[in-house]
Amino acid sequence: MRYFFIICAVLLLLGVANVPIGYYTFLRIVVTIGAVLAVIFEYRNGINIWVIAFGLIAILFNPPGSSLPARPGTLARLGQCR
């Protein structure tokens, strides 16, 4: 499990570089899976700050019911959408 979290961190760091737009969709999926796995494993210890933090990360990277494009700066342009 630790290796999967390291892979998620490396992929997030690669997202800073100039990569194709499809990479961000892939990144959203991988990070959401990693955050959900972290919530599941941390929930065994009860509700704590890590469960809340990774739950928020899962929602942030894959908002429920959202059809927003996976582009950098999407949150900055939300006010411009209809």
C-alpha atoms as a PDB file:
ATOM      1  CA  MET A   1       0.000   0.000   0.000  1.00  0.00           C
ATOM      2  CA  ARG A   2       2.856   2.353   0.779  1.00  0.00           C
ATOM      3  CA  TYR A   3       4.187   1.977  -2.759  1.00  0.00           C
ATOM      4  CA  PHE A   4       0.831   3.000  -4.228  1.00  0.00           C
ATOM      5  CA  PHE A   5       0.895   6.202  -2.166  1.00  0.00           C
ATOM      6  CA  ILE A   6       4.440   6.909  -3.341  1.00  0.00           C
ATOM      7  CA  ILE A   7       3.317   6.403  -6.938  1.00  0.00           C
ATOM      8  CA  CYS A   8       0.445   8.850  -6.347  1.00  0.00           C
ATOM      9  CA  ALA A   9       2.876  11.433  -4.979  1.00  0.00           C
ATOM     10  CA  VAL A  10       5.236  11.050  -7.944  1.00  0.00           C
ATOM     11  CA  LEU A  11       2.345  11.343 -10.409  1.00  0.00           C
ATOM     12  CA  LEU A  12       1.176  14.507  -8.655  1.00  0.00           C
ATOM     13  CA  LEU A  13       4.672  15.979  -8.955  1.00  0.00           C
ATOM     14  CA  LEU A  14       4.743  15.108 -12.659  1.00  0.00           C
ATOM     15  CA  GLY A  15       1.460  16.993 -13.031  1.00  0.00           C
ATOM     16  CA  VAL A  16       3.347  20.243 -12.464  1.00  0.00           C
ATOM     17  CA  ALA A  17       5.213  19.720 -15.736  1.00  0.00           C
ATOM     18  CA  ASN A  18       3.825  20.534 -19.163  1.00  0.00           C
ATOM     19  CA  VAL A  19       1.939  17.278 -19.853  1.00  0.00           C
ATOM     20  CA  PRO A  20      -0.974  16.475 -22.206  1.00  0.00           C
ATOM     21  CA  ILE A  21      -4.485  17.181 -20.961  1.00  0.00           C
ATOM     22  CA  GLY A  22      -5.325  13.457 -20.838  1.00  0.00           C
ATOM     23  CA  TYR A  23      -2.744  13.035 -18.096  1.00  0.00           C
ATOM     24  CA  TYR A  24      -4.865  15.120 -15.722  1.00  0.00           C
ATOM     25  CA  THR A  25      -7.843  12.802 -16.212  1.00  0.00           C
ATOM     26  CA  PHE A  26      -5.590   9.844 -15.437  1.00  0.00           C
ATOM     27  CA  LEU A  27      -4.204  11.738 -12.424  1.00  0.00           C
ATOM     28  CA  ARG A  28      -7.696  12.448 -11.075  1.00  0.00           C
ATOM     29  CA  ILE A  29      -8.588   8.759 -11.241  1.00  0.00           C
ATOM     30  CA  VAL A  30      -5.368   7.550  -9.579  1.00  0.00           C
ATOM     31  CA  VAL A  31      -5.441  10.156  -6.799  1.00  0.00           C
ATOM     32  CA  THR A  32      -9.120   9.532  -6.095  1.00  0.00           C
ATOM     33  CA  ILE A  33      -8.478   5.790  -5.808  1.00  0.00           C
ATOM     34  CA  GLY A  34      -5.512   6.467  -3.520  1.00  0.00           C
ATOM     35  CA  ALA A  35      -7.531   8.813  -1.306  1.00  0.00           C
ATOM     36  CA  VAL A  36     -10.419   6.346  -1.021  1.00  0.00           C
ATOM     37  CA  LEU A  37      -7.993   3.554  -0.121  1.00  0.00           C
ATOM     38  CA  ALA A  38      -6.412   5.785   2.527  1.00  0.00           C
ATOM     39  CA  VAL A  39      -9.855   6.537   3.989  1.00  0.00           C
ATOM     40  CA  ILE A  40     -10.700   2.825   4.111  1.00  0.00           C
ATOM     41  CA  PHE A  41      -7.459   1.865   5.837  1.00  0.00           C
ATOM     42  CA  GLU A  42      -7.489   4.799   8.263  1.00  0.00           C
ATOM     43  CA  TYR A  43     -11.151   4.283   9.150  1.00  0.00           C
ATOM     44  CA  ARG A  44     -10.131   1.046  10.856  1.00  0.00           C
ATOM     45  CA  ASN A  45      -8.545   3.259  13.528  1.00  0.00           C
ATOM     46  CA  GLY A  46     -11.746   5.284  13.843  1.00  0.00           C
ATOM     47  CA  ILE A  47     -12.586   8.724  12.542  1.00  0.00           C
ATOM     48  CA  ASN A  48      -9.502  10.901  12.776  1.00  0.00           C
ATOM     49  CA  ILE A  49      -7.976  13.844  10.928  1.00  0.00           C
ATOM     50  CA  TRP A  50      -6.548  11.598   8.190  1.00  0.00           C
ATOM     51  CA  VAL A  51      -9.937  10.135   7.324  1.00  0.00           C
ATOM     52  CA  ILE A  52     -11.354  13.631   6.961  1.00  0.00           C
ATOM     53  CA  ALA A  53      -8.350  14.943   5.016  1.00  0.00           C
ATOM     54  CA  PHE A  54      -8.249  12.083   2.510  1.00  0.00           C
ATOM     55  CA  GLY A  55     -12.028  12.188   2.156  1.00  0.00           C
ATOM     56  CA  LEU A  56     -11.768  15.856   1.202  1.00  0.00           C
ATOM     57  CA  ILE A  57      -8.967  15.046  -1.245  1.00  0.00           C
ATOM     58  CA  ALA A  58     -11.144  12.383  -2.887  1.00  0.00           C
ATOM     59  CA  ILE A  59     -13.979  14.893  -3.280  1.00  0.00           C
ATOM     60  CA  LEU A  60     -11.657  17.646  -4.487  1.00  0.00           C
ATOM     61  CA  PHE A  61     -10.069  15.508  -7.187  1.00  0.00           C
ATOM     62  CA  ASN A  62     -13.349  13.933  -8.309  1.00  0.00           C
ATOM     63  CA  PRO A  63     -16.357  16.042  -7.272  1.00  0.00           C
ATOM     64  CA  PRO A  64     -19.576  13.984  -7.175  1.00  0.00           C
ATOM     65  CA  GLY A  65     -22.003  14.827  -9.967  1.00  0.00           C
ATOM     66  CA  SER A  66     -19.486  17.082 -11.642  1.00  0.00           C
ATOM     67  CA  SER A  67     -18.989  17.389 -15.354  1.00  0.00           C
ATOM     68  CA  LEU A  68     -16.139  19.850 -15.064  1.00  0.00           C
ATOM     69  CA  PRO A  69     -13.270  19.341 -17.491  1.00  0.00           C
ATOM     70  CA  ALA A  70     -10.046  18.060 -15.969  1.00  0.00           C
ATOM     71  CA  ARG A  71      -7.929  21.105 -16.732  1.00  0.00           C
ATOM     72  CA  PRO A  72      -5.456  22.969 -14.591  1.00  0.00           C
ATOM     73  CA  GLY A  73      -7.015  26.158 -13.253  1.00  0.00           C
ATOM     74  CA  THR A  74     -10.577  24.858 -13.517  1.00  0.00           C
ATOM     75  CA  LEU A  75     -11.423  26.090 -10.047  1.00  0.00           C
ATOM     76  CA  ALA A  76     -10.178  29.563 -10.961  1.00  0.00           C
ATOM     77  CA  ARG A  77     -12.554  29.670 -13.942  1.00  0.00           C
ATOM     78  CA  LEU A  78     -15.669  28.456 -12.119  1.00  0.00           C
ATOM     79  CA  GLY A  79     -17.041  31.985 -11.927  1.00  0.00           C
ATOM     80  CA  GLN A  80     -16.922  32.237 -15.716  1.00  0.00           C
ATOM     81  CA  CYS A  81     -19.075  29.132 -16.304  1.00  0.00           C
ATOM     82  CA  ARG A  82     -22.820  29.371 -16.896  1.00  0.00           C
END
